[in-house]
């Protein structure tokens, strides 16, 4: 073909190719779910729940400037051990309390010495004849209730009169040797993108597959650090269920291991911004019943275009039977599994072996839902968004903050479904194995739902016994054949 005729190779009669011109306009984001500033629907909803705002280890002898849901704040621990989360700008003339001087009680503004307690009360004003007593009758610093738990600082940023008790989840002490280790991961994009990434479990068999890399001449052939183990990266049989009156959804990934075992992995995605995770190091070789939680994460907005994942990794022989965890890697903007969970890698490295951070951040600062083209594997993403939207709109009374806090306020535990279970269920001649795996996934959800009628150790025992009984039913069926 002559050079002057090269353009002819682009001729087409299909409206799905070379459509850049028609698709160049980017519609706006979905503000109802993605915007979290004060007075926005999602922002006000998130503020009715305790949120982690930083690591305890970030509180030193100087205050820590933080930004949460568009609010500029300062966190500190005074010399008596009390934790404070205050509005950053002093109520006197606006100097930042990140330069404040921490006191035995509270914090003192560096500019004119206004001293505030952790609850925002004005305690002293050195320049006033009465020490600030008159001013204290009308002046206070904006403050939020805050406390520390297992190395995380939690704050409640909603109306004080509606403050709930902190939920005591069943996984906090699921094993005698369990240790909760805090960590953060920093993402320069909207919080919902990371939250969406969890119920999207098809990505584990693609993004975290050893083949998802650029193989260059200098490739050493090592298994990439961005990839999960080969059993995990099988494309799973997926099931999804909205649970606990649509205040959470679970995704259930079923995988055939060899010819004689089925591994079922179940994770919770909880309204408004919590995910609870089963062990990532499982390979399905050994039978296991209702193996519990190895990680919990909150997706905390900094502003509409930035967020921090804040959570706990769980350590101990019971939760980590493969001794695969690396406690020393858990901390600020770090985590001990899979490279590509945080930024900071060389750009060329990230391009050649992309991870979650690259895939999530590259969706734009705020992902545009109107441009999405869903596939079956996205069911969990849309189920969770539906649960969020129904909560915001008041369409689900069970998802209103007061209802969701009812168990905690009554001194009762909150239960999750999250677990890894590996059952000795062999392939059956003449039976479609994918459908068999799907049946097992559904049964695991049913058993756990029945277990929620019980409390504490009785619940765990019921669930494990029911799983074993279900497993034995297959052995009996095979013997009968």
Protein backbone atom coordinates (compact mmCIF):
# COMPACT_ATOMS: atom_id res chain seq x y z
CA UNK A 1 0.00 0.00 0.00
CA UNK A 2 1.33 3.42 -0.90
CA UNK A 3 2.09 5.74 2.02
CA UNK A 4 -0.49 8.25 0.83
CA UNK A 5 -3.13 5.52 1.02
CA UNK A 6 -2.15 4.28 4.51
CA UNK A 7 -5.26 5.81 6.04
CA UNK A 8 -7.41 3.34 4.10
CA UNK A 9 -6.47 0.51 6.49
CA UNK A 10 -8.53 2.27 9.16
CA UNK A 11 -11.74 2.07 7.14
CA UNK A 12 -14.49 0.21 8.95
CA UNK A 13 -18.22 -0.32 9.07
CA UNK A 14 -18.43 -1.30 12.75
CA UNK A 15 -19.53 1.36 15.23
CA UNK A 16 -17.61 -0.31 18.09
CA UNK A 17 -14.15 0.42 16.66
CA UNK A 18 -12.27 3.73 16.36
CA UNK A 19 -15.00 5.39 18.41
CA UNK A 20 -12.72 7.71 20.36
CA UNK A 21 -14.36 10.86 19.06
CA UNK A 22 -17.82 9.69 20.12
CA UNK A 23 -16.56 8.65 23.58
CA UNK A 24 -14.32 11.61 24.40
CA UNK A 25 -16.73 13.28 26.82
CA UNK A 26 -16.43 12.12 30.44
CA UNK A 27 -19.64 12.37 32.47
CA UNK A 28 -19.55 13.46 36.12
CA UNK A 29 -18.96 11.05 38.99
CA UNK A 30 -21.70 9.75 41.27
CA UNK A 31 -21.64 12.33 44.10
CA UNK A 32 -24.15 10.47 46.27
CA UNK A 33 -21.69 7.63 46.91
CA UNK A 34 -18.33 9.30 46.32
CA UNK A 35 -18.52 12.70 48.01
CA UNK A 36 -17.91 12.69 51.76
CA UNK A 37 -17.49 16.35 52.75
CA UNK A 38 -19.69 17.73 55.55
CA UNK A 39 -23.40 17.91 54.62
CA UNK A 40 -23.11 15.35 51.80
CA UNK A 41 -25.26 12.19 52.07
CA UNK A 42 -22.33 9.77 52.34
CA UNK A 43 -20.26 12.15 54.44
CA UNK A 44 -23.01 12.50 57.02
CA UNK A 45 -23.67 8.75 57.01
CA UNK A 46 -19.99 7.85 57.57
CA UNK A 47 -19.84 10.32 60.45
CA UNK A 48 -22.42 8.25 62.37
CA UNK A 49 -19.88 5.42 62.73
CA UNK A 50 -16.60 5.15 64.61
CA UNK A 51 -13.80 5.63 62.08
CA UNK A 52 -10.09 4.92 62.47
CA UNK A 53 -8.20 8.15 61.78
CA UNK A 54 -4.52 7.29 62.29
CA UNK A 55 -2.11 4.86 63.93
CA UNK A 56 -1.37 5.15 67.62
CA UNK A 57 2.29 5.01 66.63
CA UNK A 58 1.89 8.30 64.76
CA UNK A 59 1.16 10.13 68.01
CA UNK A 60 4.41 11.35 69.50
CA UNK A 61 5.52 14.36 71.54
CA UNK A 62 4.16 16.64 68.81
CA UNK A 63 0.62 16.71 67.32
CA UNK A 64 -0.30 14.89 64.13
CA UNK A 65 -2.07 16.89 61.40
CA UNK A 66 -4.73 14.74 59.74
CA UNK A 67 -7.55 15.31 57.29
CA UNK A 68 -10.67 13.15 57.43
CA UNK A 69 -13.70 13.56 55.14
CA UNK A 70 -12.57 17.04 54.15
CA UNK A 71 -12.07 18.25 57.73
CA UNK A 72 -8.66 19.53 58.81
CA UNK A 73 -7.95 18.01 62.22
CA UNK A 74 -5.13 17.40 64.65
CA UNK A 75 -4.63 14.22 66.69
CA UNK A 76 -2.47 13.99 69.80
CA UNK A 77 -1.98 12.11 73.05
CA UNK A 78 -1.56 14.40 76.04
CA UNK A 79 0.93 13.62 78.80
CA UNK A 80 -1.77 12.03 80.94
CA UNK A 81 -2.46 9.51 78.16
CA UNK A 82 -5.73 10.98 76.85
CA UNK A 83 -6.19 11.02 73.06
CA UNK A 84 -7.58 14.13 71.41
CA UNK A 85 -8.92 14.73 67.90
CA UNK A 86 -9.57 18.45 67.50
CA UNK A 87 -10.28 20.87 64.70
CA UNK A 88 -6.89 21.95 63.46
CA UNK A 89 -7.32 25.74 63.54
CA UNK A 90 -7.40 27.39 66.94
CA UNK A 91 -10.71 28.99 67.89
CA UNK A 92 -8.88 32.19 68.84
CA UNK A 93 -7.29 33.40 65.60
CA UNK A 94 -6.88 30.28 63.49
CA UNK A 95 -3.27 29.23 64.10
CA UNK A 96 -2.80 25.53 63.42
CA UNK A 97 -2.70 23.25 66.43
CA UNK A 98 -0.28 21.01 64.57
CA UNK A 99 2.23 23.47 66.04
CA UNK A 100 0.58 23.27 69.46
CA UNK A 101 2.46 22.23 72.57
CA UNK A 102 1.13 19.06 74.19
CA UNK A 103 0.36 19.52 77.88
CA UNK A 104 -0.19 17.25 80.86
CA UNK A 105 -3.86 17.83 80.09
CA UNK A 106 -4.78 18.79 76.54
CA UNK A 107 -2.85 21.01 74.14
CA UNK A 108 -1.76 24.65 74.11
CA UNK A 109 -1.84 26.79 70.96
CA UNK A 110 1.64 28.11 70.18
CA UNK A 111 0.37 31.55 69.14
CA UNK A 112 -1.30 32.95 72.27
CA UNK A 113 -1.27 30.00 74.64
CA UNK A 114 -4.95 29.04 74.55
CA UNK A 115 -5.09 25.61 76.24
CA UNK A 116 -7.78 23.12 75.21
CA UNK A 117 -8.68 19.79 76.79
CA UNK A 118 -9.23 16.73 74.58
CA UNK A 119 -12.98 17.45 74.65
CA UNK A 120 -12.40 20.96 73.27
CA UNK A 121 -13.05 22.86 76.51
CA UNK A 122 -11.00 26.03 76.91
CA UNK A 123 -8.92 25.46 80.05
CA UNK A 124 -6.64 28.50 80.23
CA UNK A 125 -5.72 31.76 78.45
CA UNK A 126 -2.45 33.20 79.81
CA UNK A 127 -3.09 36.74 78.52
CA UNK A 128 -6.43 37.16 80.31
CA UNK A 129 -6.65 38.56 83.86
CA UNK A 130 -9.04 35.80 84.91
CA UNK A 131 -6.98 33.10 83.14
CA UNK A 132 -9.67 32.68 80.51
CA UNK A 133 -12.66 31.91 82.74
CA UNK A 134 -14.89 34.46 80.99
CA UNK A 135 -13.87 33.31 77.51
CA UNK A 136 -14.37 29.66 78.48
CA UNK A 137 -18.08 30.35 78.95
CA UNK A 138 -18.52 30.90 75.21
CA UNK A 139 -15.36 29.68 73.44
CA UNK A 140 -14.42 26.06 72.78
CA UNK A 141 -12.39 24.16 70.21
CA UNK A 142 -14.16 21.74 67.89
CA UNK A 143 -13.41 18.24 69.17
CA UNK A 144 -14.44 14.65 68.50
CA UNK A 145 -14.56 11.72 70.95
CA UNK A 146 -11.55 9.48 70.37
CA UNK A 147 -9.91 6.40 71.86
CA UNK A 148 -7.21 3.83 71.05
CA UNK A 149 -7.68 0.13 70.30
CA UNK A 150 -4.92 -2.27 69.26
CA UNK A 151 -2.72 0.50 67.87
CA UNK A 152 -5.43 2.43 66.01
CA UNK A 153 -6.98 5.77 66.96
CA UNK A 154 -10.75 5.83 66.42
CA UNK A 155 -12.88 8.98 66.35
CA UNK A 156 -16.62 9.56 66.23
CA UNK A 157 -17.33 12.59 64.02
CA UNK A 158 -21.13 12.63 64.16
CA UNK A 159 -23.55 14.38 66.52
CA UNK A 160 -22.35 13.80 70.05
CA UNK A 161 -25.81 12.90 71.34
CA UNK A 162 -25.99 10.06 68.79
CA UNK A 163 -22.58 8.57 69.63
CA UNK A 164 -22.82 4.76 69.72
CA UNK A 165 -20.72 2.28 71.61
CA UNK A 166 -17.84 0.83 69.63
CA UNK A 167 -18.87 -2.48 68.01
CA UNK A 168 -17.20 -5.55 69.52
CA UNK A 169 -16.80 -7.88 66.55
CA UNK A 170 -16.56 -11.62 67.07
CA UNK A 171 -13.18 -11.77 65.36
CA UNK A 172 -11.42 -9.57 67.94
CA UNK A 173 -10.58 -12.61 70.08
CA UNK A 174 -11.44 -15.57 67.84
CA UNK A 175 -8.23 -17.36 68.89
CA UNK A 176 -6.32 -17.34 72.18
CA UNK A 177 -3.05 -16.36 70.48
CA UNK A 178 -4.56 -13.72 68.18
CA UNK A 179 -2.65 -10.44 67.84
CA UNK A 180 -4.09 -7.45 65.98
CA UNK A 181 -1.37 -5.40 64.28
CA UNK A 182 -2.29 -1.97 62.83
CA UNK A 183 -1.40 -0.70 59.35
CA UNK A 184 -2.33 1.92 56.78
CA UNK A 185 -2.20 2.15 52.98
CA UNK A 186 -2.39 5.58 51.36
CA UNK A 187 -4.29 6.02 48.07
CA UNK A 188 -4.56 9.24 46.01
CA UNK A 189 -8.10 8.55 44.77
CA UNK A 190 -11.68 8.29 46.02
CA UNK A 191 -12.32 5.85 48.86
CA UNK A 192 -15.01 3.92 46.98
CA UNK A 193 -12.50 2.63 44.43
CA UNK A 194 -10.64 0.63 47.08
CA UNK A 195 -13.91 -0.40 48.72
CA UNK A 196 -15.24 -1.63 45.35
CA UNK A 197 -12.04 -3.62 44.81
CA UNK A 198 -12.91 -6.10 47.56
CA UNK A 199 -16.30 -7.49 46.38
CA UNK A 200 -14.72 -7.60 42.89
CA UNK A 201 -13.09 -10.98 43.42
CA UNK A 202 -12.64 -11.89 39.77
CA UNK A 203 -9.67 -9.53 39.81
CA UNK A 204 -7.77 -11.98 42.05
CA UNK A 205 -7.48 -14.47 39.20
CA UNK A 206 -6.34 -11.79 36.75
CA UNK A 207 -4.43 -8.94 38.42
CA UNK A 208 -2.82 -11.29 40.96
CA UNK A 209 -1.94 -13.98 38.43
CA UNK A 210 1.72 -14.76 37.77
CA UNK A 211 1.10 -14.20 34.06
CA UNK A 212 0.00 -10.58 34.60
CA UNK A 213 3.43 -9.04 34.01
CA UNK A 214 5.63 -7.86 31.21
CA UNK A 215 8.31 -10.47 30.60
CA UNK A 216 11.47 -8.75 29.41
CA UNK A 217 14.90 -10.05 28.53
CA UNK A 218 16.04 -9.52 32.11
CA UNK A 219 13.12 -11.42 33.68
CA UNK A 220 14.55 -13.91 36.19
CA UNK A 221 11.53 -16.21 36.05
CA UNK A 222 10.78 -15.81 39.76
CA UNK A 223 7.16 -15.92 40.89
CA UNK A 224 6.11 -12.26 40.96
CA UNK A 225 5.52 -10.66 44.35
CA UNK A 226 2.25 -9.15 43.07
CA UNK A 227 0.74 -12.64 42.50
CA UNK A 228 -1.27 -14.86 44.83
CA UNK A 229 -0.55 -18.59 45.02
CA UNK A 230 -1.52 -20.69 41.97
CA UNK A 231 -4.58 -22.25 43.64
CA UNK A 232 -5.86 -18.79 44.62
CA UNK A 233 -5.51 -17.51 41.06
CA UNK A 234 -7.85 -20.12 39.64
CA UNK A 235 -10.92 -18.34 38.34
CA UNK A 236 -13.32 -19.04 41.22
CA UNK A 237 -16.94 -20.05 41.15
CA UNK A 238 -18.54 -16.92 42.59
CA UNK A 239 -21.67 -16.54 44.66
CA UNK A 240 -22.96 -13.38 46.36
CA UNK A 241 -25.40 -12.83 49.19
CA UNK A 242 -26.74 -9.73 50.91
CA UNK A 243 -26.80 -10.57 54.61
CA UNK A 244 -27.86 -9.24 58.02
CA UNK A 245 -30.87 -7.39 56.62
CA UNK A 246 -28.83 -5.89 53.78
CA UNK A 247 -26.38 -4.15 56.13
CA UNK A 248 -23.59 -6.21 54.56
CA UNK A 249 -22.94 -8.47 51.62
CA UNK A 250 -20.66 -11.46 51.37
CA UNK A 251 -18.92 -12.81 48.34
CA UNK A 252 -18.22 -16.51 48.30
CA UNK A 253 -15.40 -17.84 46.13
CA UNK A 254 -15.35 -21.59 45.57
CA UNK A 255 -12.32 -23.38 44.15
CA UNK A 256 -11.75 -27.03 43.35
CA UNK A 257 -8.42 -28.17 44.84
CA UNK A 258 -7.17 -31.32 43.14
CA UNK A 259 -10.00 -33.81 42.72
CA UNK A 260 -11.02 -34.34 46.34
CA UNK A 261 -11.37 -30.95 48.05
CA UNK A 262 -13.41 -27.77 47.71
CA UNK A 263 -12.11 -24.56 49.22
CA UNK A 264 -14.74 -21.92 50.06
CA UNK A 265 -13.53 -18.42 50.93
CA UNK A 266 -16.06 -15.93 52.28
CA UNK A 267 -15.50 -12.21 53.02
CA UNK A 268 -17.81 -9.56 54.50
CA UNK A 269 -18.33 -6.11 52.97
CA UNK A 270 -20.10 -4.07 55.64
CA UNK A 271 -22.03 -0.81 55.37
CA UNK A 272 -20.68 1.83 55.31
CA UNK A 273 -16.91 1.21 54.76
CA UNK A 274 -15.59 -1.94 56.46
CA UNK A 275 -14.32 -5.14 54.88
CA UNK A 276 -13.38 -8.32 56.76
CA UNK A 277 -11.01 -10.80 55.13
CA UNK A 278 -10.21 -14.49 55.36
CA UNK A 279 -6.61 -15.71 55.19
CA UNK A 280 -4.86 -14.78 51.94
CA UNK A 281 -2.23 -17.51 52.30
CA UNK A 282 -4.64 -20.47 52.15
CA UNK A 283 -3.96 -23.03 49.41
CA UNK A 284 -6.74 -25.51 50.10
CA UNK A 285 -4.60 -28.58 50.70
CA UNK A 286 -5.80 -29.39 54.22
CA UNK A 287 -9.34 -29.65 55.50
CA UNK A 288 -10.31 -26.64 57.57
CA UNK A 289 -13.59 -25.57 59.14
CA UNK A 290 -14.64 -21.95 59.67
CA UNK A 291 -11.07 -20.59 59.80
CA UNK A 292 -11.57 -17.01 60.84
CA UNK A 293 -10.42 -13.47 60.08
CA UNK A 294 -6.89 -12.47 59.10
CA UNK A 295 -7.55 -8.80 58.29
CA UNK A 296 -10.08 -5.99 58.80
CA UNK A 297 -9.94 -2.73 56.84
CA UNK A 298 -11.77 0.59 56.88
CA UNK A 299 -11.72 2.82 53.78
CA UNK A 300 -11.46 6.28 55.29
CA UNK A 301 -11.84 9.34 53.04
CA UNK A 302 -9.27 12.09 53.43
CA UNK A 303 -11.23 14.15 50.92
CA UNK A 304 -13.10 13.27 47.75
CA UNK A 305 -9.90 12.44 45.85
CA UNK A 306 -7.79 10.80 48.54
CA UNK A 307 -8.28 8.11 51.16
CA UNK A 308 -6.42 5.88 53.60
CA UNK A 309 -7.05 2.19 54.18
CA UNK A 310 -6.69 1.75 57.94
CA UNK A 311 -6.95 -1.62 59.60
CA UNK A 312 -5.52 -4.62 61.42
CA UNK A 313 -3.65 -7.67 60.24
CA UNK A 314 -4.12 -10.66 62.51
CA UNK A 315 -1.17 -12.77 63.61
CA UNK A 316 -0.77 -15.97 65.61
CA UNK A 317 -0.35 -19.67 64.91
CA UNK A 318 -4.09 -20.34 64.79
CA UNK A 319 -4.93 -17.71 62.16
CA UNK A 320 -1.64 -18.17 60.25
CA UNK A 321 -1.01 -21.95 60.16
CA UNK A 322 1.42 -21.48 57.26
CA UNK A 323 3.52 -18.95 59.23
CA UNK A 324 3.40 -16.71 56.15
CA UNK A 325 2.78 -13.36 57.85
CA UNK A 326 5.47 -10.70 58.27
CA UNK A 327 4.61 -8.56 61.24
CA UNK A 328 7.55 -6.21 60.66
CA UNK A 329 6.04 -5.14 57.33
CA UNK A 330 2.80 -3.85 58.88
CA UNK A 331 2.77 -0.14 59.64
CA UNK A 332 2.33 3.24 58.02
CA UNK A 333 1.65 2.84 54.28
CA UNK A 334 2.84 -0.76 54.31
CA UNK A 335 1.42 -4.28 54.51
CA UNK A 336 2.96 -7.74 54.53
CA UNK A 337 1.25 -9.42 51.56
CA UNK A 338 1.62 -8.78 47.83
CA UNK A 339 3.68 -5.97 46.37
CA UNK A 340 1.65 -3.23 44.69
CA UNK A 341 -0.59 -2.54 47.68
CA UNK A 342 1.00 0.88 48.14
CA UNK A 343 2.52 3.53 45.91
CA UNK A 344 6.16 4.45 45.75
CA UNK A 345 7.40 1.68 43.49
CA UNK A 346 9.41 2.80 40.44
CA UNK A 347 7.01 3.64 37.61
CA UNK A 348 8.56 1.10 35.22
CA UNK A 349 8.30 -1.62 37.86
CA UNK A 350 4.65 -0.77 38.43
CA UNK A 351 3.96 -0.89 34.69
CA UNK A 352 5.60 -4.28 34.34
CA UNK A 353 4.04 -5.85 37.45
CA UNK A 354 0.96 -3.78 38.36
CA UNK A 355 -0.84 -4.35 41.63
CA UNK A 356 -4.02 -3.18 43.34
CA UNK A 357 -2.63 0.32 43.93
CA UNK A 358 -2.01 0.93 40.22
CA UNK A 359 -5.33 -0.59 39.10
CA UNK A 360 -7.35 1.36 41.67
CA UNK A 361 -5.64 4.75 41.44
CA UNK A 362 -5.61 4.69 37.63
CA UNK A 363 -9.43 4.70 37.50
CA UNK A 364 -9.25 8.54 37.79
CA UNK A 365 -9.23 10.57 41.02
CA UNK A 366 -12.95 9.74 41.25
CA UNK A 367 -14.09 6.78 39.14
CA UNK A 368 -16.94 7.52 36.73
CA UNK A 369 -19.60 4.86 37.20
CA UNK A 370 -21.57 5.98 34.14
CA UNK A 371 -18.75 4.73 31.90
CA UNK A 372 -18.67 1.21 33.37
CA UNK A 373 -19.71 -1.85 31.37
CA UNK A 374 -20.45 -4.53 34.00
CA UNK A 375 -19.81 -8.24 33.66
CA UNK A 376 -21.17 -11.08 35.78
CA UNK A 377 -18.16 -10.91 38.08
CA UNK A 378 -19.15 -7.38 39.12
CA UNK A 379 -22.29 -8.54 40.93
CA UNK A 380 -20.68 -7.98 44.32
CA UNK A 381 -19.63 -4.43 43.46
CA UNK A 382 -23.15 -3.43 42.49
CA UNK A 383 -24.73 -5.32 45.37
CA UNK A 384 -22.60 -3.36 47.83
CA UNK A 385 -23.34 -0.04 46.11
CA UNK A 386 -27.04 -0.87 46.26
CA UNK A 387 -26.78 -1.57 50.00
CA UNK A 388 -25.00 1.78 50.49
CA UNK A 389 -27.51 3.71 48.43
CA UNK A 390 -30.50 2.16 50.20
CA UNK A 391 -28.90 3.06 53.54
CA UNK A 392 -28.33 6.66 52.47
CA UNK A 393 -31.84 7.07 51.11
CA UNK A 394 -33.49 5.56 54.17
CA UNK A 395 -34.95 2.75 52.05
CA UNK A 396 -33.56 0.12 54.43
CA UNK A 397 -34.49 0.78 58.07
CA UNK A 398 -32.08 -1.94 59.22
CA UNK A 399 -29.17 0.00 57.71
CA UNK A 400 -29.85 3.21 59.60
CA UNK A 401 -27.06 3.99 62.08
CA UNK A 402 -29.27 3.53 65.15
CA UNK A 403 -30.33 0.08 64.00
CA UNK A 404 -26.80 -0.95 63.02
CA UNK A 405 -25.49 0.15 66.43
CA UNK A 406 -28.22 -1.67 68.37
CA UNK A 407 -26.15 -4.75 69.24
CA UNK A 408 -23.14 -2.71 70.33
CA UNK A 409 -25.30 -0.36 72.38
CA UNK A 410 -26.90 -3.38 74.07
CA UNK A 411 -23.50 -4.84 74.93
CA UNK A 412 -23.82 -7.64 72.37
CA UNK A 413 -21.28 -8.79 69.82
CA UNK A 414 -21.47 -8.20 66.09
CA UNK A 415 -20.94 -11.32 63.99
CA UNK A 416 -19.42 -11.69 60.56
CA UNK A 417 -19.45 -14.53 58.04
CA UNK A 418 -15.79 -14.26 57.01
CA UNK A 419 -13.94 -17.57 56.91
CA UNK A 420 -11.89 -20.04 54.92
CA UNK A 421 -13.31 -23.56 54.84
CA UNK A 422 -11.80 -26.53 53.00
CA UNK A 423 -14.03 -29.60 52.75
CA UNK A 424 -13.12 -33.11 51.62
CA UNK A 425 -15.71 -33.29 48.84
CA UNK A 426 -14.49 -35.21 45.78
CA UNK A 427 -15.60 -34.79 42.22
CA UNK A 428 -18.67 -36.85 41.36
CA UNK A 429 -18.90 -38.84 38.18
CA UNK A 430 -21.73 -37.55 36.05
CA UNK A 431 -22.08 -34.35 38.09
CA UNK A 432 -21.11 -30.93 36.72
CA UNK A 433 -18.31 -29.94 39.09
CA UNK A 434 -18.81 -26.18 38.80
CA UNK A 435 -22.41 -26.60 39.88
CA UNK A 436 -21.28 -28.82 42.75
CA UNK A 437 -18.84 -26.14 43.93
CA UNK A 438 -21.61 -23.55 43.66
CA UNK A 439 -23.93 -25.76 45.75
CA UNK A 440 -21.27 -26.04 48.46
CA UNK A 441 -20.80 -22.25 48.48
CA UNK A 442 -24.51 -21.70 48.98
CA UNK A 443 -24.64 -24.28 51.75
CA UNK A 444 -21.83 -22.56 53.65
CA UNK A 445 -23.83 -19.30 53.67
CA UNK A 446 -26.91 -21.19 54.86
CA UNK A 447 -25.01 -22.85 57.72
CA UNK A 448 -23.54 -19.56 58.94
CA UNK A 449 -26.94 -17.88 58.81
CA UNK A 450 -28.32 -20.69 60.98
CA UNK A 451 -25.37 -20.25 63.32
CA UNK A 452 -26.33 -16.63 63.95
CA UNK A 453 -29.13 -17.94 66.16
CA UNK A 454 -26.42 -18.78 68.71
CA UNK A 455 -23.93 -16.66 70.64
CA UNK A 456 -20.19 -16.83 71.29
CA UNK A 457 -18.45 -20.20 71.35
CA UNK A 458 -21.77 -21.95 70.86
CA UNK A 459 -22.14 -20.23 67.49
CA UNK A 460 -18.68 -21.29 66.33
CA UNK A 461 -19.23 -24.87 67.50
CA UNK A 462 -22.60 -25.10 65.74
CA UNK A 463 -21.15 -23.81 62.46
CA UNK A 464 -18.11 -26.12 62.52
CA UNK A 465 -20.21 -29.16 63.43
CA UNK A 466 -22.71 -28.40 60.66
CA UNK A 467 -19.87 -28.06 58.13
CA UNK A 468 -18.43 -31.42 59.16
CA UNK A 469 -21.85 -33.05 58.97
CA UNK A 470 -22.39 -31.63 55.49
CA UNK A 471 -18.98 -32.93 54.42
CA UNK A 472 -19.81 -36.40 55.77
CA UNK A 473 -23.03 -36.45 53.76
CA UNK A 474 -20.95 -36.62 50.58
CA UNK A 475 -18.89 -39.52 51.88
CA UNK A 476 -22.12 -41.37 52.64
CA UNK A 477 -23.53 -40.64 49.18
CA UNK A 478 -20.39 -41.97 47.50
CA UNK A 479 -20.45 -45.13 49.63
CA UNK A 480 -24.09 -45.70 48.65
CA UNK A 481 -23.15 -45.51 44.99
